[in-house]
Amino acid sequence: MSPWTSFITALTLLLYSVITINVGRARTKYKVAPPQMTGDPNFERVLRVQQNTLEQVILFLPGLWLFSFYVNSLWGAIIGGIWLVGRIVYAWGYYQAAEKRMIGFGISIISGSVLLLGSLIGIILTLVKS
């Protein structure tokens, strides 16, 4: 297995950690005490970035590793890097305004889907060959 797949995984976890820290900072800035999940719209956008990223990570990481194992680890890491860029663009845009999130969302959805579908094809081809 390529160390690049591990590197993308570590960067994904780092990104998620930063996004989670941003929620804590937004709670303080906008005075939204736990367990509240609503309040200032600026806080809610920061929280949505974290929640949506968590939802995407659950699909992304297995897709990344399966693609890297069954298809190609370097291409898996490259597509995974594109997914990471998409998540950063998504977060940066959403922090500013909800309508600015779509480009990053599209990048991450498309790249994540390529990993998932590619891994399925790779797995099926491996099963057919055995």
N, C-alpha and C. Protein backbone atom coordinates (compact mmCIF):
# COMPACT_ATOMS: atom_id res chain seq x y z
N MET A 1 0.85 -1.19 0.00
CA MET A 1 0.00 0.00 0.00
C MET A 1 0.89 1.24 0.00
N SER A 2 0.47 2.21 -0.72
CA SER A 2 1.23 3.45 -0.85
C SER A 2 1.14 4.29 0.42
N PRO A 3 2.26 4.89 0.81
CA PRO A 3 2.19 5.82 1.95
C PRO A 3 1.35 7.06 1.63
N TRP A 4 1.11 7.30 0.34
CA TRP A 4 0.30 8.46 -0.03
C TRP A 4 -1.14 8.32 0.45
N THR A 5 -1.67 7.11 0.43
CA THR A 5 -3.03 6.88 0.93
C THR A 5 -3.08 7.19 2.42
N SER A 6 -2.06 6.76 3.14
CA SER A 6 -1.98 7.07 4.58
C SER A 6 -1.85 8.57 4.81
N PHE A 7 -1.07 9.23 3.98
CA PHE A 7 -0.88 10.67 4.10
C PHE A 7 -2.20 11.42 3.91
N ILE A 8 -2.98 11.03 2.88
CA ILE A 8 -4.28 11.66 2.64
C ILE A 8 -5.22 11.39 3.81
N THR A 9 -5.16 10.19 4.36
CA THR A 9 -5.98 9.86 5.53
C THR A 9 -5.62 10.76 6.71
N ALA A 10 -4.32 10.92 6.97
CA ALA A 10 -3.89 11.78 8.08
C ALA A 10 -4.30 13.23 7.85
N LEU A 11 -4.17 13.71 6.61
CA LEU A 11 -4.60 15.08 6.31
C LEU A 11 -6.11 15.25 6.48
N THR A 12 -6.86 14.22 6.13
CA THR A 12 -8.31 14.26 6.32
C THR A 12 -8.66 14.38 7.80
N LEU A 13 -7.98 13.60 8.63
CA LEU A 13 -8.22 13.68 10.08
C LEU A 13 -7.80 15.04 10.63
N LEU A 14 -6.71 15.59 10.12
CA LEU A 14 -6.27 16.92 10.55
C LEU A 14 -7.30 17.97 10.15
N LEU A 15 -7.78 17.90 8.91
CA LEU A 15 -8.81 18.84 8.45
C LEU A 15 -10.05 18.75 9.34
N TYR A 16 -10.49 17.53 9.63
CA TYR A 16 -11.67 17.39 10.47
C TYR A 16 -11.43 17.95 11.87
N SER A 17 -10.23 17.77 12.39
CA SER A 17 -9.90 18.33 13.71
C SER A 17 -9.98 19.85 13.70
N VAL A 18 -9.46 20.47 12.66
CA VAL A 18 -9.51 21.93 12.55
C VAL A 18 -10.96 22.40 12.45
N ILE A 19 -11.74 21.71 11.64
CA ILE A 19 -13.15 22.08 11.48
C ILE A 19 -13.90 21.94 12.80
N THR A 20 -13.58 20.92 13.57
CA THR A 20 -14.21 20.72 14.88
C THR A 20 -13.80 21.82 15.86
N ILE A 21 -12.53 22.18 15.85
CA ILE A 21 -12.06 23.29 16.70
C ILE A 21 -12.79 24.57 16.32
N ASN A 22 -13.03 24.77 15.02
CA ASN A 22 -13.74 25.97 14.58
C ASN A 22 -15.15 26.05 15.17
N VAL A 23 -15.79 24.90 15.37
CA VAL A 23 -17.12 24.90 15.99
C VAL A 23 -17.01 25.40 17.43
N GLY A 24 -16.03 24.93 18.16
CA GLY A 24 -15.83 25.40 19.54
C GLY A 24 -15.56 26.90 19.59
N ARG A 25 -14.74 27.36 18.67
CA ARG A 25 -14.45 28.80 18.62
C ARG A 25 -15.71 29.60 18.28
N ALA A 26 -16.52 29.07 17.36
CA ALA A 26 -17.76 29.75 16.97
C ALA A 26 -18.76 29.76 18.12
N ARG A 27 -18.78 28.69 18.91
CA ARG A 27 -19.67 28.67 20.08
C ARG A 27 -19.34 29.84 21.01
N THR A 28 -18.07 30.06 21.23
CA THR A 28 -17.65 31.16 22.11
C THR A 28 -17.96 32.50 21.46
N LYS A 29 -17.59 32.66 20.20
CA LYS A 29 -17.77 33.94 19.50
C LYS A 29 -19.24 34.35 19.42
N TYR A 30 -20.12 33.37 19.12
CA TYR A 30 -21.53 33.69 18.92
C TYR A 30 -22.40 33.35 20.13
N LYS A 31 -21.74 32.98 21.23
CA LYS A 31 -22.42 32.71 22.50
C LYS A 31 -23.53 31.66 22.36
N VAL A 32 -23.13 30.50 21.84
CA VAL A 32 -24.04 29.37 21.70
C VAL A 32 -23.50 28.25 22.59
N ALA A 33 -24.04 28.17 23.79
CA ALA A 33 -23.52 27.20 24.77
C ALA A 33 -24.02 25.79 24.46
N PRO A 34 -23.16 24.79 24.70
CA PRO A 34 -23.62 23.40 24.56
C PRO A 34 -24.75 23.14 25.55
N PRO A 35 -25.73 22.38 25.25
CA PRO A 35 -25.88 21.51 24.08
C PRO A 35 -26.62 22.17 22.91
N GLN A 36 -26.81 23.49 22.96
CA GLN A 36 -27.53 24.15 21.87
C GLN A 36 -26.88 23.86 20.52
N MET A 37 -27.71 23.68 19.51
CA MET A 37 -27.23 23.44 18.15
C MET A 37 -27.70 24.53 17.19
N THR A 38 -28.43 25.51 17.73
CA THR A 38 -28.90 26.62 16.90
C THR A 38 -28.59 27.92 17.59
N GLY A 39 -28.67 28.98 16.83
CA GLY A 39 -28.39 30.30 17.36
C GLY A 39 -28.10 31.23 16.21
N ASP A 40 -27.04 31.98 16.34
CA ASP A 40 -26.62 32.90 15.28
C ASP A 40 -26.40 32.12 13.97
N PRO A 41 -26.89 32.63 12.84
CA PRO A 41 -26.69 31.94 11.56
C PRO A 41 -25.22 31.70 11.22
N ASN A 42 -24.34 32.58 11.66
CA ASN A 42 -22.91 32.38 11.42
C ASN A 42 -22.41 31.14 12.16
N PHE A 43 -22.89 30.93 13.38
CA PHE A 43 -22.55 29.71 14.12
C PHE A 43 -23.10 28.48 13.41
N GLU A 44 -24.34 28.56 12.97
CA GLU A 44 -24.99 27.41 12.34
C GLU A 44 -24.26 26.98 11.07
N ARG A 45 -23.70 27.94 10.32
CA ARG A 45 -22.94 27.58 9.12
C ARG A 45 -21.66 26.84 9.50
N VAL A 46 -20.97 27.30 10.54
CA VAL A 46 -19.76 26.61 10.99
C VAL A 46 -20.09 25.20 11.45
N LEU A 47 -21.19 25.05 12.18
CA LEU A 47 -21.62 23.73 12.63
C LEU A 47 -21.98 22.83 11.45
N ARG A 48 -22.64 23.38 10.45
CA ARG A 48 -23.01 22.57 9.27
C ARG A 48 -21.78 22.09 8.51
N VAL A 49 -20.74 22.91 8.46
CA VAL A 49 -19.50 22.47 7.82
C VAL A 49 -18.98 21.22 8.52
N GLN A 50 -18.97 21.25 9.85
CA GLN A 50 -18.48 20.09 10.60
C GLN A 50 -19.38 18.87 10.38
N GLN A 51 -20.68 19.05 10.48
CA GLN A 51 -21.60 17.93 10.35
C GLN A 51 -21.56 17.33 8.94
N ASN A 52 -21.55 18.19 7.92
CA ASN A 52 -21.52 17.67 6.56
C ASN A 52 -20.19 16.98 6.26
N THR A 53 -19.11 17.53 6.78
CA THR A 53 -17.81 16.89 6.57
C THR A 53 -17.77 15.53 7.24
N LEU A 54 -18.33 15.42 8.44
CA LEU A 54 -18.41 14.12 9.10
C LEU A 54 -19.21 13.13 8.26
N GLU A 55 -20.34 13.58 7.72
CA GLU A 55 -21.15 12.71 6.87
C GLU A 55 -20.37 12.24 5.64
N GLN A 56 -19.56 13.11 5.07
CA GLN A 56 -18.78 12.77 3.89
C GLN A 56 -17.58 11.88 4.21
N VAL A 57 -16.95 12.11 5.36
CA VAL A 57 -15.78 11.33 5.76
C VAL A 57 -16.13 9.85 5.88
N ILE A 58 -17.32 9.57 6.35
CA ILE A 58 -17.75 8.18 6.53
C ILE A 58 -17.78 7.44 5.19
N LEU A 59 -18.09 8.11 4.12
CA LEU A 59 -18.06 7.52 2.78
C LEU A 59 -16.67 7.60 2.16
N PHE A 60 -16.00 8.72 2.41
CA PHE A 60 -14.72 8.98 1.76
C PHE A 60 -13.61 8.02 2.17
N LEU A 61 -13.39 7.85 3.46
CA LEU A 61 -12.24 7.05 3.90
C LEU A 61 -12.29 5.59 3.44
N PRO A 62 -13.41 4.89 3.61
CA PRO A 62 -13.44 3.52 3.06
C PRO A 62 -13.27 3.51 1.54
N GLY A 63 -13.88 4.47 0.86
CA GLY A 63 -13.73 4.55 -0.60
C GLY A 63 -12.28 4.77 -1.01
N LEU A 64 -11.60 5.65 -0.28
CA LEU A 64 -10.18 5.91 -0.55
C LEU A 64 -9.35 4.64 -0.41
N TRP A 65 -9.53 3.95 0.70
CA TRP A 65 -8.73 2.75 0.96
C TRP A 65 -9.08 1.60 0.03
N LEU A 66 -10.36 1.40 -0.24
CA LEU A 66 -10.74 0.33 -1.17
C LEU A 66 -10.23 0.61 -2.58
N PHE A 67 -10.37 1.84 -3.03
CA PHE A 67 -9.86 2.22 -4.35
C PHE A 67 -8.35 2.01 -4.40
N SER A 68 -7.66 2.45 -3.37
CA SER A 68 -6.19 2.32 -3.33
C SER A 68 -5.76 0.86 -3.35
N PHE A 69 -6.53 0.00 -2.72
CA PHE A 69 -6.19 -1.42 -2.66
C PHE A 69 -6.54 -2.15 -3.96
N TYR A 70 -7.75 -1.92 -4.47
CA TYR A 70 -8.24 -2.69 -5.61
C TYR A 70 -7.98 -2.06 -6.98
N VAL A 71 -7.69 -0.75 -7.01
CA VAL A 71 -7.49 -0.10 -8.30
C VAL A 71 -6.04 0.39 -8.42
N ASN A 72 -5.71 1.47 -7.70
CA ASN A 72 -4.38 2.03 -7.79
C ASN A 72 -4.18 2.99 -6.62
N SER A 73 -3.13 2.76 -5.84
CA SER A 73 -2.94 3.58 -4.64
C SER A 73 -2.53 5.02 -4.95
N LEU A 74 -1.71 5.22 -5.99
CA LEU A 74 -1.33 6.59 -6.33
C LEU A 74 -2.54 7.39 -6.82
N TRP A 75 -3.34 6.78 -7.71
CA TRP A 75 -4.54 7.47 -8.19
C TRP A 75 -5.55 7.67 -7.06
N GLY A 76 -5.62 6.72 -6.15
CA GLY A 76 -6.50 6.90 -4.99
C GLY A 76 -6.09 8.12 -4.18
N ALA A 77 -4.79 8.25 -3.97
CA ALA A 77 -4.29 9.40 -3.20
C ALA A 77 -4.51 10.71 -3.95
N ILE A 78 -4.33 10.70 -5.26
CA ILE A 78 -4.56 11.92 -6.05
C ILE A 78 -6.04 12.33 -5.97
N ILE A 79 -6.92 11.38 -6.19
CA ILE A 79 -8.36 11.68 -6.11
C ILE A 79 -8.73 12.08 -4.69
N GLY A 80 -8.12 11.41 -3.70
CA GLY A 80 -8.34 11.78 -2.30
C GLY A 80 -7.87 13.20 -2.02
N GLY A 81 -6.76 13.60 -2.62
CA GLY A 81 -6.27 14.97 -2.46
C GLY A 81 -7.25 15.97 -3.06
N ILE A 82 -7.84 15.61 -4.18
CA ILE A 82 -8.86 16.48 -4.79
C ILE A 82 -10.06 16.60 -3.86
N TRP A 83 -10.45 15.48 -3.23
CA TRP A 83 -11.55 15.52 -2.26
C TRP A 83 -11.23 16.48 -1.12
N LEU A 84 -10.00 16.41 -0.62
CA LEU A 84 -9.58 17.30 0.47
C LEU A 84 -9.67 18.77 0.05
N VAL A 85 -9.18 19.08 -1.13
CA VAL A 85 -9.28 20.45 -1.63
C VAL A 85 -10.75 20.87 -1.70
N GLY A 86 -11.60 19.97 -2.18
CA GLY A 86 -13.03 20.27 -2.23
C GLY A 86 -13.61 20.57 -0.87
N ARG A 87 -13.21 19.82 0.14
CA ARG A 87 -13.71 20.06 1.49
C ARG A 87 -13.22 21.39 2.04
N ILE A 88 -12.00 21.77 1.72
CA ILE A 88 -11.47 23.06 2.17
C ILE A 88 -12.22 24.20 1.49
N VAL A 89 -12.43 24.07 0.18
CA VAL A 89 -13.18 25.08 -0.57
C VAL A 89 -14.62 25.16 -0.03
N TYR A 90 -15.20 24.01 0.25
CA TYR A 90 -16.55 23.95 0.82
C TYR A 90 -16.60 24.72 2.14
N ALA A 91 -15.69 24.40 3.05
CA ALA A 91 -15.69 25.04 4.37
C ALA A 91 -15.47 26.54 4.24
N TRP A 92 -14.48 26.91 3.48
CA TRP A 92 -14.16 28.34 3.33
C TRP A 92 -15.36 29.10 2.77
N GLY A 93 -16.01 28.53 1.76
CA GLY A 93 -17.18 29.18 1.18
C GLY A 93 -18.35 29.24 2.14
N TYR A 94 -18.62 28.13 2.80
CA TYR A 94 -19.79 28.06 3.70
C TYR A 94 -19.60 28.98 4.90
N TYR A 95 -18.38 29.13 5.39
CA TYR A 95 -18.14 30.05 6.50
C TYR A 95 -18.55 31.47 6.12
N GLN A 96 -18.42 31.81 4.85
CA GLN A 96 -18.76 33.16 4.38
C GLN A 96 -20.26 33.32 4.13
N ALA A 97 -20.85 32.36 3.41
CA ALA A 97 -22.28 32.41 3.08
C ALA A 97 -22.70 31.04 2.57
N ALA A 98 -23.92 30.63 2.89
CA ALA A 98 -24.39 29.29 2.51
C ALA A 98 -24.31 29.05 1.01
N GLU A 99 -24.61 30.04 0.21
CA GLU A 99 -24.60 29.85 -1.24
C GLU A 99 -23.19 29.70 -1.82
N LYS A 100 -22.17 29.99 -1.05
CA LYS A 100 -20.79 29.87 -1.54
C LYS A 100 -20.18 28.48 -1.29
N ARG A 101 -20.98 27.55 -0.82
CA ARG A 101 -20.47 26.22 -0.50
C ARG A 101 -20.50 25.25 -1.68
N MET A 102 -21.23 25.57 -2.73
CA MET A 102 -21.57 24.60 -3.75
C MET A 102 -20.38 24.10 -4.58
N ILE A 103 -19.43 24.95 -4.92
CA ILE A 103 -18.28 24.50 -5.72
C ILE A 103 -17.50 23.44 -4.94
N GLY A 104 -17.18 23.72 -3.69
CA GLY A 104 -16.45 22.75 -2.88
C GLY A 104 -17.24 21.48 -2.64
N PHE A 105 -18.54 21.64 -2.45
CA PHE A 105 -19.40 20.47 -2.27
C PHE A 105 -19.37 19.59 -3.52
N GLY A 106 -19.47 20.22 -4.67
CA GLY A 106 -19.44 19.47 -5.93
C GLY A 106 -18.12 18.74 -6.13
N ILE A 107 -17.02 19.42 -5.85
CA ILE A 107 -15.70 18.79 -5.99
C ILE A 107 -15.60 17.55 -5.10
N SER A 108 -16.02 17.68 -3.85
CA SER A 108 -15.89 16.56 -2.93
C SER A 108 -16.88 15.43 -3.24
N ILE A 109 -18.08 15.75 -3.68
CA ILE A 109 -19.05 14.71 -4.02
C ILE A 109 -18.58 13.93 -5.25
N ILE A 110 -18.12 14.64 -6.27
CA ILE A 110 -17.66 13.96 -7.49
C ILE A 110 -16.44 13.09 -7.21
N SER A 111 -15.44 13.63 -6.52
CA SER A 111 -14.23 12.84 -6.26
C SER A 111 -14.53 11.67 -5.33
N GLY A 112 -15.37 11.86 -4.34
CA GLY A 112 -15.76 10.76 -3.46
C GLY A 112 -16.52 9.68 -4.21
N SER A 113 -17.37 10.09 -5.14
CA SER A 113 -18.13 9.12 -5.94
C SER A 113 -17.20 8.33 -6.86
N VAL A 114 -16.19 8.99 -7.42
CA VAL A 114 -15.21 8.28 -8.26
C VAL A 114 -14.50 7.21 -7.45
N LEU A 115 -14.12 7.55 -6.22
CA LEU A 115 -13.46 6.56 -5.37
C LEU A 115 -14.37 5.38 -5.07
N LEU A 116 -15.62 5.66 -4.73
CA LEU A 116 -16.56 4.59 -4.39
C LEU A 116 -16.87 3.70 -5.60
N LEU A 117 -17.23 4.33 -6.71
CA LEU A 117 -17.56 3.54 -7.91
C LEU A 117 -16.34 2.81 -8.45
N GLY A 118 -15.19 3.48 -8.43
CA GLY A 118 -13.96 2.82 -8.88
C GLY A 118 -13.62 1.62 -8.02
N SER A 119 -13.81 1.75 -6.72
CA SER A 119 -13.51 0.61 -5.84
C SER A 119 -14.48 -0.54 -6.10
N LEU A 120 -15.74 -0.23 -6.33
CA LEU A 120 -16.71 -1.29 -6.65
C LEU A 120 -16.31 -2.02 -7.93
N ILE A 121 -15.92 -1.28 -8.94
CA ILE A 121 -15.49 -1.90 -10.20
C ILE A 121 -14.24 -2.75 -9.96
N GLY A 122 -13.28 -2.22 -9.20
CA GLY A 122 -12.07 -2.98 -8.89
C GLY A 122 -12.35 -4.27 -8.13
N ILE A 123 -13.26 -4.18 -7.18
CA ILE A 123 -13.63 -5.37 -6.39
C ILE A 123 -14.33 -6.41 -7.28
N ILE A 124 -15.26 -5.95 -8.11
CA ILE A 124 -15.97 -6.86 -9.00
C ILE A 124 -15.00 -7.54 -9.97
N LEU A 125 -14.07 -6.78 -10.53
CA LEU A 125 -13.09 -7.37 -11.45
C LEU A 125 -12.21 -8.39 -10.73
N THR A 126 -11.86 -8.11 -9.50
CA THR A 126 -11.06 -9.06 -8.71
C THR A 126 -11.86 -10.34 -8.45
N LEU A 127 -13.14 -10.19 -8.13
CA LEU A 127 -13.99 -11.37 -7.89
C LEU A 127 -14.15 -12.21 -9.17
N VAL A 128 -14.31 -11.54 -10.30
CA VAL A 128 -14.50 -12.24 -11.57
C VAL A 128 -13.22 -13.02 -11.93
N LYS A 129 -12.06 -12.46 -11.64
CA LYS A 129 -10.79 -13.09 -11.97
C LYS A 129 -10.47 -14.27 -11.08
N SER A 130 -11.06 -14.30 -9.87
CA SER A 130 -10.70 -15.39 -8.95
C SER A 130 -11.57 -16.61 -9.09
